[in-house]
């Protein structure tokens, strides 16, 4: 995925998906500079707008891009959730938990990376341990009480050169905790559903349940 195309993705969906790390929080952000107008030539409005199918597909694409997942990865998550039907579960929340408890997402939320894409890379390169066991699988589902630690051998590398300063500014979600001195994070409780999430998860669940 080219750097330029990341900004186009956000503009296409009309919202920030935080695909470029720190740039997304700066005045250089394409959404901040150009607004939510889609890239390219202005499109003619379609009478009646998007169909229900089109809206659902758009929501799915937003959420998939937000967590930096392939179509196959995302579809498998939803299928797994749909298989739980009939167990009186909130399927939208179950999908949200699956996405939030990915190791790469936890690494991002703890402030060890500036984007989920970056988090996926450093997890894949073996920068972290979970309960003192080296884990290099970005999709690993972190459980409540497990400790996520940045390896001692990786802390002095160029990638984390300014980590000691930047991590001091990190505000982690209330369901996580972070020892900023020792670079250790923990899931204290189940993820709290984000009401401000960019995509409508119930619409996405309905989209896949019809297929």
N, C-alpha and C. Protein backbone atom coordinates (compact mmCIF):
# COMPACT_ATOMS: atom_id res chain seq x y z
N UNK A 1 0.84 -1.20 0.00
CA UNK A 1 0.00 0.00 0.00
C UNK A 1 0.88 1.25 0.00
N UNK A 2 0.81 2.06 -1.04
CA UNK A 2 1.64 3.24 -1.13
C UNK A 2 1.19 4.28 -0.11
N UNK A 3 2.16 5.12 0.33
CA UNK A 3 1.86 6.15 1.32
C UNK A 3 0.74 7.06 0.85
N UNK A 4 0.79 7.48 -0.41
CA UNK A 4 -0.22 8.39 -0.92
C UNK A 4 -1.60 7.75 -0.88
N UNK A 5 -1.69 6.47 -1.18
CA UNK A 5 -2.98 5.80 -1.25
C UNK A 5 -3.67 5.73 0.11
N UNK A 6 -2.89 5.75 1.20
CA UNK A 6 -3.48 5.70 2.54
C UNK A 6 -4.36 6.91 2.77
N UNK A 7 -3.88 8.08 2.37
CA UNK A 7 -4.67 9.30 2.52
C UNK A 7 -5.92 9.25 1.65
N UNK A 8 -5.77 8.67 0.48
CA UNK A 8 -6.92 8.55 -0.43
C UNK A 8 -7.99 7.65 0.16
N UNK A 9 -7.57 6.61 0.88
CA UNK A 9 -8.53 5.71 1.51
C UNK A 9 -9.38 6.47 2.51
N UNK A 10 -8.73 7.28 3.35
CA UNK A 10 -9.46 8.07 4.35
C UNK A 10 -10.41 9.06 3.68
N UNK A 11 -9.94 9.72 2.63
CA UNK A 11 -10.79 10.69 1.94
C UNK A 11 -11.96 10.00 1.23
N UNK A 12 -11.72 8.81 0.74
CA UNK A 12 -12.77 8.07 0.06
C UNK A 12 -13.92 7.75 1.02
N UNK A 13 -13.56 7.42 2.28
CA UNK A 13 -14.58 7.09 3.26
C UNK A 13 -15.05 8.30 4.05
N UNK A 14 -14.38 9.43 3.87
CA UNK A 14 -14.81 10.66 4.53
C UNK A 14 -14.54 10.70 6.01
N UNK A 15 -13.54 9.94 6.48
CA UNK A 15 -13.21 9.93 7.90
C UNK A 15 -11.77 9.48 8.10
N UNK A 16 -11.18 9.84 9.22
CA UNK A 16 -9.81 9.44 9.52
C UNK A 16 -9.77 7.97 9.95
N UNK A 17 -8.91 7.21 9.31
CA UNK A 17 -8.70 5.81 9.69
C UNK A 17 -7.32 5.63 10.33
N UNK A 18 -6.59 6.74 10.48
CA UNK A 18 -5.29 6.74 11.18
C UNK A 18 -4.33 5.72 10.58
N UNK A 19 -4.14 5.82 9.27
CA UNK A 19 -3.28 4.87 8.56
C UNK A 19 -1.85 5.35 8.41
N UNK A 20 -1.60 6.64 8.75
CA UNK A 20 -0.25 7.18 8.57
C UNK A 20 0.38 7.64 9.88
N UNK A 21 -0.07 7.08 10.97
CA UNK A 21 0.55 7.37 12.25
C UNK A 21 0.44 8.83 12.68
N UNK A 22 1.56 9.41 13.07
CA UNK A 22 1.58 10.76 13.62
C UNK A 22 1.07 11.81 12.64
N UNK A 23 1.24 11.59 11.36
CA UNK A 23 0.78 12.55 10.36
C UNK A 23 -0.74 12.78 10.47
N UNK A 24 -1.46 11.75 10.87
CA UNK A 24 -2.92 11.84 10.98
C UNK A 24 -3.35 12.83 12.06
N UNK A 25 -2.46 13.09 13.02
CA UNK A 25 -2.78 14.00 14.11
C UNK A 25 -2.22 15.40 13.86
N UNK A 26 -1.58 15.58 12.72
CA UNK A 26 -0.94 16.86 12.42
C UNK A 26 -1.74 17.64 11.37
N UNK A 27 -1.40 18.92 11.16
CA UNK A 27 -2.07 19.73 10.13
C UNK A 27 -1.85 19.21 8.72
N UNK A 28 -0.88 18.28 8.54
CA UNK A 28 -0.60 17.73 7.22
C UNK A 28 -1.62 16.66 6.80
N UNK A 29 -2.45 16.24 7.73
CA UNK A 29 -3.46 15.21 7.43
C UNK A 29 -4.32 15.66 6.25
N UNK A 30 -4.54 14.75 5.29
CA UNK A 30 -5.31 15.08 4.09
C UNK A 30 -6.75 15.47 4.42
N UNK A 31 -7.34 14.82 5.42
CA UNK A 31 -8.71 15.15 5.82
C UNK A 31 -8.75 16.57 6.39
N UNK A 32 -7.73 16.92 7.16
CA UNK A 32 -7.66 18.27 7.74
C UNK A 32 -7.46 19.31 6.65
N UNK A 33 -6.60 19.01 5.68
CA UNK A 33 -6.27 19.99 4.64
C UNK A 33 -7.33 20.08 3.55
N UNK A 34 -7.90 18.94 3.16
CA UNK A 34 -8.79 18.92 1.99
C UNK A 34 -10.24 18.60 2.33
N UNK A 35 -10.49 18.28 3.59
CA UNK A 35 -11.86 17.92 3.95
C UNK A 35 -12.19 16.51 3.53
N UNK A 36 -13.46 16.18 3.48
CA UNK A 36 -13.89 14.80 3.21
C UNK A 36 -14.30 14.57 1.75
N UNK A 37 -13.95 15.52 0.86
CA UNK A 37 -14.25 15.32 -0.56
C UNK A 37 -13.44 14.15 -1.10
N UNK A 38 -14.07 13.20 -1.77
CA UNK A 38 -13.34 12.05 -2.31
C UNK A 38 -12.25 12.49 -3.27
N UNK A 39 -11.15 11.71 -3.37
CA UNK A 39 -10.06 12.07 -4.28
C UNK A 39 -10.49 11.98 -5.74
N UNK A 40 -9.81 12.72 -6.61
CA UNK A 40 -10.14 12.70 -8.04
C UNK A 40 -11.19 13.73 -8.39
N UNK A 41 -11.78 13.56 -9.53
CA UNK A 41 -12.80 14.50 -10.00
C UNK A 41 -14.09 14.37 -9.19
N UNK A 42 -14.80 15.50 -8.96
CA UNK A 42 -16.08 15.43 -8.25
C UNK A 42 -17.05 14.49 -8.96
N UNK A 43 -17.72 13.66 -8.17
CA UNK A 43 -18.64 12.71 -8.76
C UNK A 43 -20.06 13.27 -8.78
N UNK A 44 -20.82 12.83 -9.76
CA UNK A 44 -22.22 13.24 -9.80
C UNK A 44 -22.99 12.48 -8.74
N UNK A 45 -23.90 13.18 -8.12
CA UNK A 45 -24.69 12.53 -7.08
C UNK A 45 -25.66 11.53 -7.71
N UNK A 46 -25.73 10.37 -7.09
CA UNK A 46 -26.64 9.35 -7.57
C UNK A 46 -27.96 9.50 -6.85
N UNK A 47 -29.03 9.61 -7.60
CA UNK A 47 -30.34 9.79 -7.00
C UNK A 47 -30.64 8.66 -6.02
N UNK A 48 -30.98 9.04 -4.80
CA UNK A 48 -31.30 8.05 -3.79
C UNK A 48 -30.10 7.58 -3.00
N UNK A 49 -28.88 7.96 -3.46
CA UNK A 49 -27.68 7.57 -2.71
C UNK A 49 -27.37 6.10 -2.86
N UNK A 50 -26.55 5.59 -1.94
CA UNK A 50 -26.13 4.19 -1.99
C UNK A 50 -27.28 3.26 -1.63
N UNK A 51 -27.24 2.06 -2.19
CA UNK A 51 -28.20 1.03 -1.81
C UNK A 51 -27.83 0.52 -0.43
N UNK A 52 -28.70 -0.26 0.19
CA UNK A 52 -28.40 -0.85 1.49
C UNK A 52 -27.16 -1.74 1.39
N UNK A 53 -27.05 -2.46 0.28
CA UNK A 53 -25.88 -3.31 0.06
C UNK A 53 -24.62 -2.44 -0.03
N UNK A 54 -24.73 -1.34 -0.77
CA UNK A 54 -23.59 -0.44 -0.93
C UNK A 54 -23.15 0.17 0.38
N UNK A 55 -24.12 0.56 1.21
CA UNK A 55 -23.80 1.15 2.52
C UNK A 55 -23.10 0.12 3.41
N UNK A 56 -23.62 -1.10 3.41
CA UNK A 56 -23.03 -2.14 4.26
C UNK A 56 -21.61 -2.47 3.80
N UNK A 57 -21.42 -2.54 2.49
CA UNK A 57 -20.09 -2.83 1.95
C UNK A 57 -19.11 -1.72 2.31
N UNK A 58 -19.59 -0.49 2.28
CA UNK A 58 -18.75 0.66 2.62
C UNK A 58 -18.33 0.61 4.09
N UNK A 59 -19.26 0.25 4.98
CA UNK A 59 -18.95 0.14 6.40
C UNK A 59 -17.93 -0.97 6.65
N UNK A 60 -18.11 -2.06 5.93
CA UNK A 60 -17.18 -3.19 6.06
C UNK A 60 -15.77 -2.78 5.65
N UNK A 61 -15.68 -2.06 4.55
CA UNK A 61 -14.37 -1.62 4.06
C UNK A 61 -13.71 -0.63 5.02
N UNK A 62 -14.49 0.23 5.63
CA UNK A 62 -13.94 1.17 6.59
C UNK A 62 -13.33 0.44 7.78
N UNK A 63 -14.06 -0.51 8.33
CA UNK A 63 -13.58 -1.22 9.51
C UNK A 63 -12.37 -2.09 9.17
N UNK A 64 -12.42 -2.72 8.01
CA UNK A 64 -11.30 -3.57 7.57
C UNK A 64 -10.03 -2.74 7.42
N UNK A 65 -10.14 -1.58 6.83
CA UNK A 65 -8.98 -0.71 6.65
C UNK A 65 -8.50 -0.12 7.97
N UNK A 66 -9.42 0.18 8.87
CA UNK A 66 -9.05 0.73 10.17
C UNK A 66 -8.10 -0.21 10.91
N UNK A 67 -8.41 -1.52 10.87
CA UNK A 67 -7.58 -2.51 11.57
C UNK A 67 -6.50 -3.12 10.67
N UNK A 68 -6.39 -2.60 9.46
CA UNK A 68 -5.35 -3.03 8.52
C UNK A 68 -5.39 -4.54 8.30
N UNK A 69 -6.56 -5.04 7.89
CA UNK A 69 -6.75 -6.46 7.66
C UNK A 69 -7.04 -6.74 6.20
N UNK A 70 -6.68 -7.93 5.74
CA UNK A 70 -7.04 -8.34 4.39
C UNK A 70 -8.51 -8.72 4.37
N UNK A 71 -9.05 -8.82 3.18
CA UNK A 71 -10.46 -9.21 3.03
C UNK A 71 -10.70 -10.58 3.66
N UNK A 72 -9.78 -11.51 3.41
CA UNK A 72 -9.92 -12.86 3.94
C UNK A 72 -9.88 -12.88 5.47
N UNK A 73 -8.93 -12.15 6.05
CA UNK A 73 -8.82 -12.09 7.51
C UNK A 73 -10.11 -11.56 8.12
N UNK A 74 -10.59 -10.48 7.55
CA UNK A 74 -11.78 -9.85 8.11
C UNK A 74 -13.00 -10.76 7.97
N UNK A 75 -13.17 -11.36 6.81
CA UNK A 75 -14.31 -12.24 6.57
C UNK A 75 -14.29 -13.43 7.53
N UNK A 76 -13.10 -13.97 7.80
CA UNK A 76 -13.00 -15.11 8.72
C UNK A 76 -13.42 -14.73 10.14
N UNK A 77 -13.07 -13.51 10.56
CA UNK A 77 -13.50 -13.04 11.88
C UNK A 77 -15.02 -12.99 11.97
N UNK A 78 -15.64 -12.42 10.93
CA UNK A 78 -17.10 -12.28 10.95
C UNK A 78 -17.77 -13.65 10.91
N UNK A 79 -17.24 -14.56 10.11
CA UNK A 79 -17.81 -15.91 10.03
C UNK A 79 -17.73 -16.61 11.38
N UNK A 80 -16.62 -16.42 12.06
CA UNK A 80 -16.45 -17.02 13.39
C UNK A 80 -17.49 -16.48 14.37
N UNK A 81 -17.75 -15.18 14.28
CA UNK A 81 -18.74 -14.56 15.15
C UNK A 81 -20.15 -15.03 14.81
N UNK A 82 -20.45 -15.12 13.52
CA UNK A 82 -21.78 -15.56 13.09
C UNK A 82 -22.06 -17.00 13.51
N UNK A 83 -21.02 -17.80 13.65
CA UNK A 83 -21.19 -19.19 14.06
C UNK A 83 -21.68 -19.29 15.50
N UNK A 84 -21.59 -18.19 16.24
CA UNK A 84 -22.03 -18.18 17.65
C UNK A 84 -23.49 -17.79 17.80
N UNK A 85 -24.18 -17.61 16.69
CA UNK A 85 -25.59 -17.21 16.75
C UNK A 85 -26.39 -18.18 17.62
N UNK A 86 -27.37 -17.64 18.32
CA UNK A 86 -28.23 -18.46 19.15
C UNK A 86 -27.74 -18.60 20.57
N UNK A 87 -26.59 -18.02 20.88
CA UNK A 87 -26.03 -18.11 22.23
C UNK A 87 -26.25 -16.82 23.02
N UNK A 88 -27.22 -16.02 22.54
CA UNK A 88 -27.60 -14.77 23.22
C UNK A 88 -26.40 -13.84 23.41
N UNK A 89 -25.58 -13.77 22.38
CA UNK A 89 -24.42 -12.88 22.43
C UNK A 89 -24.69 -11.64 21.60
N UNK A 90 -24.05 -10.56 21.98
CA UNK A 90 -24.08 -9.35 21.17
C UNK A 90 -23.02 -9.52 20.10
N UNK A 91 -23.43 -9.88 18.89
CA UNK A 91 -22.48 -10.22 17.84
C UNK A 91 -21.59 -9.04 17.46
N UNK A 92 -22.15 -7.83 17.51
CA UNK A 92 -21.37 -6.64 17.19
C UNK A 92 -20.24 -6.46 18.19
N UNK A 93 -20.54 -6.66 19.44
CA UNK A 93 -19.52 -6.51 20.48
C UNK A 93 -18.50 -7.63 20.40
N UNK A 94 -18.94 -8.84 20.06
CA UNK A 94 -18.02 -9.96 19.93
C UNK A 94 -17.00 -9.71 18.82
N UNK A 95 -17.46 -9.14 17.70
CA UNK A 95 -16.54 -8.81 16.62
C UNK A 95 -15.58 -7.71 17.04
N UNK A 96 -16.11 -6.71 17.72
CA UNK A 96 -15.28 -5.61 18.22
C UNK A 96 -14.18 -6.15 19.14
N UNK A 97 -14.53 -7.06 20.04
CA UNK A 97 -13.54 -7.64 20.95
C UNK A 97 -12.46 -8.40 20.18
N UNK A 98 -12.87 -9.16 19.19
CA UNK A 98 -11.90 -9.92 18.39
C UNK A 98 -10.87 -8.99 17.76
N UNK A 99 -11.34 -7.87 17.24
CA UNK A 99 -10.45 -6.94 16.57
C UNK A 99 -9.56 -6.21 17.57
N UNK A 100 -10.15 -5.79 18.69
CA UNK A 100 -9.40 -5.03 19.69
C UNK A 100 -8.34 -5.86 20.41
N UNK A 101 -8.59 -7.16 20.58
CA UNK A 101 -7.67 -7.99 21.35
C UNK A 101 -6.57 -8.63 20.50
N UNK A 102 -6.51 -8.25 19.22
CA UNK A 102 -5.37 -8.66 18.41
C UNK A 102 -4.11 -8.06 19.01
N UNK A 103 -3.02 -8.81 18.99
CA UNK A 103 -1.77 -8.32 19.58
C UNK A 103 -1.29 -7.03 18.91
N UNK A 104 -1.40 -6.95 17.58
CA UNK A 104 -0.93 -5.73 16.92
C UNK A 104 -1.76 -4.52 17.33
N UNK A 105 -3.06 -4.71 17.54
CA UNK A 105 -3.89 -3.59 17.98
C UNK A 105 -3.54 -3.16 19.40
N UNK A 106 -3.28 -4.14 20.27
CA UNK A 106 -2.88 -3.84 21.65
C UNK A 106 -1.57 -3.05 21.67
N UNK A 107 -0.62 -3.47 20.85
CA UNK A 107 0.67 -2.78 20.75
C UNK A 107 0.46 -1.34 20.32
N UNK A 108 -0.44 -1.14 19.37
CA UNK A 108 -0.77 0.21 18.89
C UNK A 108 -1.43 1.03 20.00
N UNK A 109 -2.40 0.44 20.70
CA UNK A 109 -3.12 1.15 21.75
C UNK A 109 -2.22 1.50 22.94
N UNK A 110 -1.18 0.70 23.15
CA UNK A 110 -0.26 0.96 24.25
C UNK A 110 0.78 2.03 23.89
N UNK A 111 0.80 2.44 22.63
CA UNK A 111 1.71 3.51 22.23
C UNK A 111 3.07 3.07 21.74
N UNK A 112 3.24 1.77 21.48
CA UNK A 112 4.52 1.27 20.99
C UNK A 112 4.69 1.51 19.48
N UNK A 113 3.62 1.91 18.81
CA UNK A 113 3.68 2.20 17.38
C UNK A 113 2.75 3.36 17.09
N UNK A 114 2.96 4.00 15.95
CA UNK A 114 2.12 5.14 15.59
C UNK A 114 0.94 4.77 14.71
N UNK A 115 0.89 3.50 14.28
CA UNK A 115 -0.24 3.02 13.47
C UNK A 115 -0.36 1.52 13.63
N UNK A 116 -1.51 0.98 13.26
CA UNK A 116 -1.69 -0.47 13.34
C UNK A 116 -0.82 -1.18 12.30
N UNK A 117 -0.61 -0.56 11.18
CA UNK A 117 0.25 -1.15 10.16
C UNK A 117 1.67 -1.30 10.70
N UNK A 118 2.16 -0.28 11.37
CA UNK A 118 3.48 -0.31 11.97
C UNK A 118 3.54 -1.37 13.07
N UNK A 119 2.46 -1.45 13.85
CA UNK A 119 2.39 -2.44 14.94
C UNK A 119 2.48 -3.86 14.38
N UNK A 120 1.80 -4.09 13.28
CA UNK A 120 1.84 -5.42 12.67
C UNK A 120 3.26 -5.79 12.27
N UNK A 121 4.00 -4.82 11.76
CA UNK A 121 5.38 -5.08 11.33
C UNK A 121 6.28 -5.44 12.49
N UNK A 122 6.23 -4.64 13.57
CA UNK A 122 7.15 -4.91 14.68
C UNK A 122 6.77 -6.16 15.46
N UNK A 123 5.49 -6.49 15.49
CA UNK A 123 5.09 -7.75 16.11
C UNK A 123 5.63 -8.92 15.28
N UNK A 124 5.49 -8.82 13.97
CA UNK A 124 5.96 -9.88 13.07
C UNK A 124 7.47 -10.09 13.17
N UNK A 125 8.19 -9.01 13.51
CA UNK A 125 9.65 -9.10 13.63
C UNK A 125 10.11 -9.53 15.03
N UNK A 126 9.15 -9.93 15.86
CA UNK A 126 9.50 -10.51 17.15
C UNK A 126 9.95 -9.53 18.21
N UNK A 127 9.34 -8.34 18.25
CA UNK A 127 9.75 -7.32 19.22
C UNK A 127 9.11 -7.51 20.60
N UNK A 128 8.10 -8.36 20.70
CA UNK A 128 7.33 -8.44 21.95
C UNK A 128 7.20 -9.85 22.50
N UNK A 129 6.94 -9.88 23.80
CA UNK A 129 6.61 -11.14 24.47
C UNK A 129 5.23 -10.99 25.10
N UNK A 130 4.54 -12.11 25.25
CA UNK A 130 3.27 -12.15 25.96
C UNK A 130 3.44 -13.17 27.08
N UNK A 131 3.35 -12.69 28.31
CA UNK A 131 3.65 -13.54 29.47
C UNK A 131 5.03 -14.19 29.34
N UNK A 132 5.99 -13.36 28.91
CA UNK A 132 7.41 -13.73 28.79
C UNK A 132 7.69 -14.73 27.67
N UNK A 133 6.70 -15.00 26.84
CA UNK A 133 6.89 -15.90 25.70
C UNK A 133 6.88 -15.07 24.42
N UNK A 134 7.91 -15.24 23.59
CA UNK A 134 8.00 -14.48 22.36
C UNK A 134 6.85 -14.83 21.41
N UNK A 135 6.14 -13.80 20.97
CA UNK A 135 5.01 -13.99 20.05
C UNK A 135 5.21 -13.08 18.84
N UNK A 136 5.21 -13.65 17.65
CA UNK A 136 5.38 -12.86 16.44
C UNK A 136 4.18 -12.97 15.50
N UNK A 137 3.02 -13.24 16.08
CA UNK A 137 1.78 -13.38 15.31
C UNK A 137 0.87 -12.19 15.60
N UNK A 138 0.72 -11.25 14.65
CA UNK A 138 -0.10 -10.05 14.88
C UNK A 138 -1.53 -10.35 15.29
N UNK A 139 -2.09 -11.46 14.80
CA UNK A 139 -3.49 -11.79 15.09
C UNK A 139 -3.68 -12.50 16.43
N UNK A 140 -2.60 -12.75 17.15
CA UNK A 140 -2.69 -13.43 18.45
C UNK A 140 -3.71 -12.72 19.33
N UNK A 141 -4.64 -13.50 19.91
CA UNK A 141 -5.68 -12.92 20.78
C UNK A 141 -5.17 -12.84 22.22
N UNK A 142 -4.90 -11.62 22.67
CA UNK A 142 -4.39 -11.41 24.02
C UNK A 142 -5.53 -11.59 25.02
N UNK A 143 -5.26 -12.33 26.09
CA UNK A 143 -6.29 -12.61 27.09
C UNK A 143 -6.16 -11.68 28.30
N UNK A 144 -7.24 -11.56 29.01
CA UNK A 144 -7.26 -10.74 30.22
C UNK A 144 -6.18 -11.23 31.19
N UNK A 145 -5.39 -10.29 31.69
CA UNK A 145 -4.34 -10.62 32.65
C UNK A 145 -2.98 -10.91 32.03
N UNK A 146 -2.93 -11.10 30.71
CA UNK A 146 -1.65 -11.36 30.06
C UNK A 146 -0.83 -10.07 29.94
N UNK A 147 0.49 -10.22 30.09
CA UNK A 147 1.40 -9.09 30.06
C UNK A 147 2.11 -9.00 28.71
N UNK A 148 2.04 -7.84 28.10
CA UNK A 148 2.69 -7.61 26.81
C UNK A 148 3.92 -6.75 27.06
N UNK A 149 5.11 -7.28 26.75
CA UNK A 149 6.36 -6.59 27.06
C UNK A 149 7.21 -6.38 25.81
N UNK A 150 7.82 -5.20 25.74
CA UNK A 150 8.80 -4.94 24.68
C UNK A 150 10.11 -5.58 25.10
N UNK A 151 10.68 -6.41 24.23
CA UNK A 151 11.91 -7.12 24.57
C UNK A 151 13.03 -6.14 24.90
N UNK A 152 13.80 -6.49 25.91
CA UNK A 152 14.92 -5.66 26.34
C UNK A 152 15.91 -5.42 25.19
N UNK A 153 16.13 -6.45 24.40
CA UNK A 153 17.11 -6.36 23.31
C UNK A 153 16.67 -5.42 22.19
N UNK A 154 15.37 -5.09 22.15
CA UNK A 154 14.85 -4.24 21.08
C UNK A 154 14.72 -2.78 21.48
N UNK A 155 14.88 -2.49 22.75
CA UNK A 155 14.60 -1.14 23.26
C UNK A 155 15.61 -0.09 22.84
N UNK A 156 16.82 -0.51 22.50
CA UNK A 156 17.86 0.46 22.16
C UNK A 156 18.05 0.61 20.65
N UNK A 157 17.20 -0.04 19.88
CA UNK A 157 17.30 0.08 18.43
C UNK A 157 16.82 1.43 17.94
N UNK A 158 17.11 1.73 16.69
CA UNK A 158 16.74 3.03 16.12
C UNK A 158 15.23 3.23 16.08
N UNK A 159 14.48 2.14 15.93
CA UNK A 159 13.03 2.26 15.85
C UNK A 159 12.44 2.87 17.12
N UNK A 160 12.99 2.50 18.26
CA UNK A 160 12.47 2.99 19.54
C UNK A 160 13.36 4.06 20.17
N UNK A 161 14.08 4.77 19.34
CA UNK A 161 15.04 5.77 19.83
C UNK A 161 14.38 6.81 20.74
N UNK A 162 13.19 7.25 20.39
CA UNK A 162 12.50 8.28 21.17
C UNK A 162 11.34 7.74 21.99
N UNK A 163 11.28 6.42 22.15
CA UNK A 163 10.14 5.82 22.82
C UNK A 163 9.97 6.30 24.26
N UNK A 164 11.06 6.46 24.98
CA UNK A 164 10.97 6.86 26.39
C UNK A 164 10.26 8.19 26.56
N UNK A 165 10.37 9.06 25.55
CA UNK A 165 9.71 10.36 25.61
C UNK A 165 8.29 10.29 25.09
N UNK A 166 8.10 9.63 23.96
CA UNK A 166 6.77 9.59 23.35
C UNK A 166 5.76 8.80 24.19
N UNK A 167 6.24 7.74 24.84
CA UNK A 167 5.32 6.88 25.59
C UNK A 167 4.79 7.59 26.84
N UNK A 168 5.50 8.62 27.30
CA UNK A 168 5.03 9.38 28.46
C UNK A 168 3.73 10.12 28.15
N UNK A 169 3.50 10.41 26.88
CA UNK A 169 2.33 11.17 26.46
C UNK A 169 1.14 10.28 26.13
N UNK A 170 1.36 8.98 26.14
CA UNK A 170 0.31 8.03 25.74
C UNK A 170 -0.80 7.95 26.79
N UNK A 171 -2.03 8.01 26.31
CA UNK A 171 -3.20 7.80 27.16
C UNK A 171 -3.87 6.51 26.70
N UNK A 172 -3.66 5.45 27.45
CA UNK A 172 -4.20 4.15 27.05
C UNK A 172 -5.67 4.04 27.45
N UNK A 173 -6.45 3.23 26.74
CA UNK A 173 -7.85 3.01 27.11
C UNK A 173 -7.95 2.48 28.54
N UNK A 174 -9.08 2.72 29.18
CA UNK A 174 -9.24 2.33 30.59
C UNK A 174 -9.18 0.82 30.80
N UNK A 175 -9.43 0.03 29.76
CA UNK A 175 -9.40 -1.43 29.93
C UNK A 175 -7.98 -1.99 29.80
N UNK A 176 -7.02 -1.10 29.53
CA UNK A 176 -5.61 -1.49 29.47
C UNK A 176 -4.83 -0.76 30.55
N UNK A 177 -3.67 -1.29 30.91
CA UNK A 177 -2.76 -0.59 31.81
C UNK A 177 -1.37 -0.62 31.18
N UNK A 178 -0.55 0.38 31.51
CA UNK A 178 0.78 0.46 30.92
C UNK A 178 1.79 0.94 31.95
N UNK A 179 2.82 0.13 32.14
CA UNK A 179 3.96 0.50 32.97
C UNK A 179 4.95 1.21 32.03
N UNK A 180 4.95 2.55 32.08
CA UNK A 180 5.73 3.33 31.13
C UNK A 180 7.23 3.29 31.40
N UNK A 181 7.61 2.87 32.57
CA UNK A 181 9.03 2.78 32.89
C UNK A 181 9.64 1.48 32.36
N UNK A 182 8.85 0.40 32.44
CA UNK A 182 9.36 -0.92 32.04
C UNK A 182 8.79 -1.43 30.72
N UNK A 183 7.92 -0.61 30.08
CA UNK A 183 7.34 -0.95 28.78
C UNK A 183 6.55 -2.27 28.83
N UNK A 184 5.68 -2.35 29.81
CA UNK A 184 4.85 -3.54 29.98
C UNK A 184 3.38 -3.12 30.03
N UNK A 185 2.58 -3.75 29.18
CA UNK A 185 1.15 -3.47 29.16
C UNK A 185 0.36 -4.69 29.60
N UNK A 186 -0.90 -4.47 29.95
CA UNK A 186 -1.76 -5.57 30.41
C UNK A 186 -3.21 -5.27 30.08
N UNK A 187 -3.96 -6.33 29.73
CA UNK A 187 -5.40 -6.20 29.58
C UNK A 187 -6.02 -6.40 30.96
N UNK A 188 -6.61 -5.34 31.51
CA UNK A 188 -7.22 -5.43 32.84
C UNK A 188 -8.62 -6.00 32.78
N UNK A 189 -9.33 -5.74 31.69
CA UNK A 189 -10.71 -6.20 31.54
C UNK A 189 -11.04 -6.30 30.07
N UNK A 190 -12.24 -6.75 29.77
CA UNK A 190 -12.65 -6.86 28.37
C UNK A 190 -12.73 -5.47 27.74
N UNK A 191 -12.43 -5.36 26.44
CA UNK A 191 -12.48 -4.06 25.77
C UNK A 191 -13.84 -3.38 25.94
N UNK A 192 -13.80 -2.08 26.13
CA UNK A 192 -15.02 -1.30 26.26
C UNK A 192 -15.42 -0.82 24.88
N UNK A 193 -16.65 -1.10 24.50
CA UNK A 193 -17.11 -0.78 23.14
C UNK A 193 -16.97 0.70 22.86
N UNK A 194 -16.38 1.03 21.73
CA UNK A 194 -16.14 2.42 21.34
C UNK A 194 -17.34 2.93 20.55
N UNK A 195 -18.14 3.78 21.17
CA UNK A 195 -19.33 4.31 20.52
C UNK A 195 -18.97 5.22 19.34
N UNK A 196 -17.72 5.72 19.32
CA UNK A 196 -17.29 6.63 18.26
C UNK A 196 -16.55 5.90 17.14
N UNK A 197 -16.62 4.59 17.13
CA UNK A 197 -15.95 3.81 16.10
C UNK A 197 -16.44 4.26 14.72
N UNK A 198 -15.53 4.32 13.75
CA UNK A 198 -15.86 4.91 12.46
C UNK A 198 -16.89 4.10 11.67
N UNK A 199 -17.06 2.83 11.97
CA UNK A 199 -17.96 1.99 11.18
C UNK A 199 -19.13 1.46 12.02
N UNK A 200 -20.23 1.18 11.36
CA UNK A 200 -21.41 0.64 12.02
C UNK A 200 -21.35 -0.89 11.98
N UNK A 201 -20.91 -1.47 13.07
CA UNK A 201 -20.69 -2.92 13.10
C UNK A 201 -21.98 -3.73 12.89
N UNK A 202 -23.12 -3.33 13.47
CA UNK A 202 -24.34 -4.11 13.23
C UNK A 202 -24.67 -4.23 11.74
N UNK A 203 -24.40 -3.16 10.98
CA UNK A 203 -24.64 -3.19 9.54
C UNK A 203 -23.72 -4.20 8.86
N UNK A 204 -22.50 -4.30 9.36
CA UNK A 204 -21.52 -5.23 8.79
C UNK A 204 -21.93 -6.68 9.10
N UNK A 205 -22.38 -6.92 10.32
CA UNK A 205 -22.85 -8.26 10.70
C UNK A 205 -24.01 -8.66 9.81
N UNK A 206 -24.93 -7.75 9.58
CA UNK A 206 -26.09 -8.03 8.74
C UNK A 206 -25.65 -8.31 7.29
N UNK A 207 -24.66 -7.58 6.83
CA UNK A 207 -24.14 -7.74 5.48
C UNK A 207 -23.66 -9.17 5.25
N UNK A 208 -22.91 -9.71 6.20
CA UNK A 208 -22.36 -11.06 6.05
C UNK A 208 -23.39 -12.14 6.36
N UNK A 209 -24.35 -11.85 7.21
CA UNK A 209 -25.34 -12.87 7.57
C UNK A 209 -26.27 -13.19 6.41
N UNK A 210 -26.35 -12.30 5.44
CA UNK A 210 -27.21 -12.52 4.27
C UNK A 210 -26.51 -13.33 3.19
N UNK A 211 -25.19 -13.48 3.30
CA UNK A 211 -24.43 -14.10 2.23
C UNK A 211 -24.36 -15.61 2.39
